[in-house]
Structure formats: C-alpha cells, structure tokens
Amino acid sequence: MLDGAFLSHILLWLIGAMTVCAAGLAFAALFSLGRSGYRKD
C-alpha cells in the first residue's frame, strides 16, 4: 500500500492543502490590514 506513487500523491495533496490555507490566511490578513485604516476606534 505504501508505494512511491501513493506517498507522492499524499505529499502533493498535503502541499496543495497548505497552499490553499496559506492563500486564504494571506488574503484575510491583507483584508484586515486594509480595513484597519478606516476604523475610528
């Protein structure tokens, strides 16, 4: 079961999931930084 193709497939999915999470968090961080300039508190 744990052959090379399976491990590379899991590694590719892991990298893809990390990329999606990082892109979402970066967008949220930039959005919150952009919105912080308009706040009055």
C-alpha atoms as a PDB file:
ATOM      1  CA  MET A   1       0.000   0.000   0.000  1.00  0.00           C
ATOM      2  CA  LEU A   2       2.738   2.496   0.859  1.00  0.00           C
ATOM      3  CA  ASP A   3       4.464   2.530  -2.503  1.00  0.00           C
ATOM      4  CA  GLY A   4       6.139   5.537  -4.077  1.00  0.00           C
ATOM      5  CA  ALA A   5       3.142   6.653  -6.116  1.00  0.00           C
ATOM      6  CA  PHE A   6       0.878   6.662  -3.061  1.00  0.00           C
ATOM      7  CA  LEU A   7       3.376   8.645  -0.982  1.00  0.00           C
ATOM      8  CA  SER A   8       3.908  11.203  -3.728  1.00  0.00           C
ATOM      9  CA  HIS A   9       0.145  11.552  -4.098  1.00  0.00           C
ATOM     10  CA  ILE A  10      -0.247  12.225  -0.361  1.00  0.00           C
ATOM     11  CA  LEU A  11       2.659  14.681  -0.461  1.00  0.00           C
ATOM     12  CA  LEU A  12       1.105  16.533  -3.386  1.00  0.00           C
ATOM     13  CA  TRP A  13      -2.263  16.771  -1.614  1.00  0.00           C
ATOM     14  CA  LEU A  14      -0.531  17.986   1.557  1.00  0.00           C
ATOM     15  CA  ILE A  15       1.327  20.712  -0.330  1.00  0.00           C
ATOM     16  CA  GLY A  16      -1.876  21.708  -2.103  1.00  0.00           C
ATOM     17  CA  ALA A  17      -3.812  21.935   1.163  1.00  0.00           C
ATOM     18  CA  MET A  18      -1.065  24.025   2.736  1.00  0.00           C
ATOM     19  CA  THR A  19      -1.045  26.336  -0.292  1.00  0.00           C
ATOM     20  CA  VAL A  20      -4.815  26.842  -0.151  1.00  0.00           C
ATOM     21  CA  CYS A  21      -4.702  27.541   3.600  1.00  0.00           C
ATOM     22  CA  ALA A  22      -1.794  29.963   3.224  1.00  0.00           C
ATOM     23  CA  ALA A  23      -3.516  31.817   0.380  1.00  0.00           C
ATOM     24  CA  GLY A  24      -6.710  32.142   2.414  1.00  0.00           C
ATOM     25  CA  LEU A  25      -4.895  33.355   5.501  1.00  0.00           C
ATOM     26  CA  ALA A  26      -2.814  35.827   3.482  1.00  0.00           C
ATOM     27  CA  PHE A  27      -5.981  37.221   1.888  1.00  0.00           C
ATOM     28  CA  ALA A  28      -7.638  37.549   5.301  1.00  0.00           C
ATOM     29  CA  ALA A  29      -4.559  39.269   6.752  1.00  0.00           C
ATOM     30  CA  LEU A  30      -4.325  41.757   3.887  1.00  0.00           C
ATOM     31  CA  PHE A  31      -8.073  42.386   4.076  1.00  0.00           C
ATOM     32  CA  SER A  32      -7.914  43.094   7.811  1.00  0.00           C
ATOM     33  CA  LEU A  33      -4.882  45.347   7.369  1.00  0.00           C
ATOM     34  CA  GLY A  34      -6.671  47.272   4.630  1.00  0.00           C
ATOM     35  CA  ARG A  35      -9.794  47.650   6.769  1.00  0.00           C
ATOM     36  CA  SER A  36      -7.862  48.798   9.847  1.00  0.00           C
ATOM     37  CA  GLY A  37      -7.139  52.162   8.255  1.00  0.00           C
ATOM     38  CA  TYR A  38     -10.822  53.037   8.121  1.00  0.00           C
ATOM     39  CA  ARG A  39     -11.684  52.241  11.727  1.00  0.00           C
ATOM     40  CA  LYS A  40     -12.310  55.051  14.183  1.00  0.00           C
ATOM     41  CA  ASP A  41     -11.641  53.118  17.393  1.00  0.00           C
END
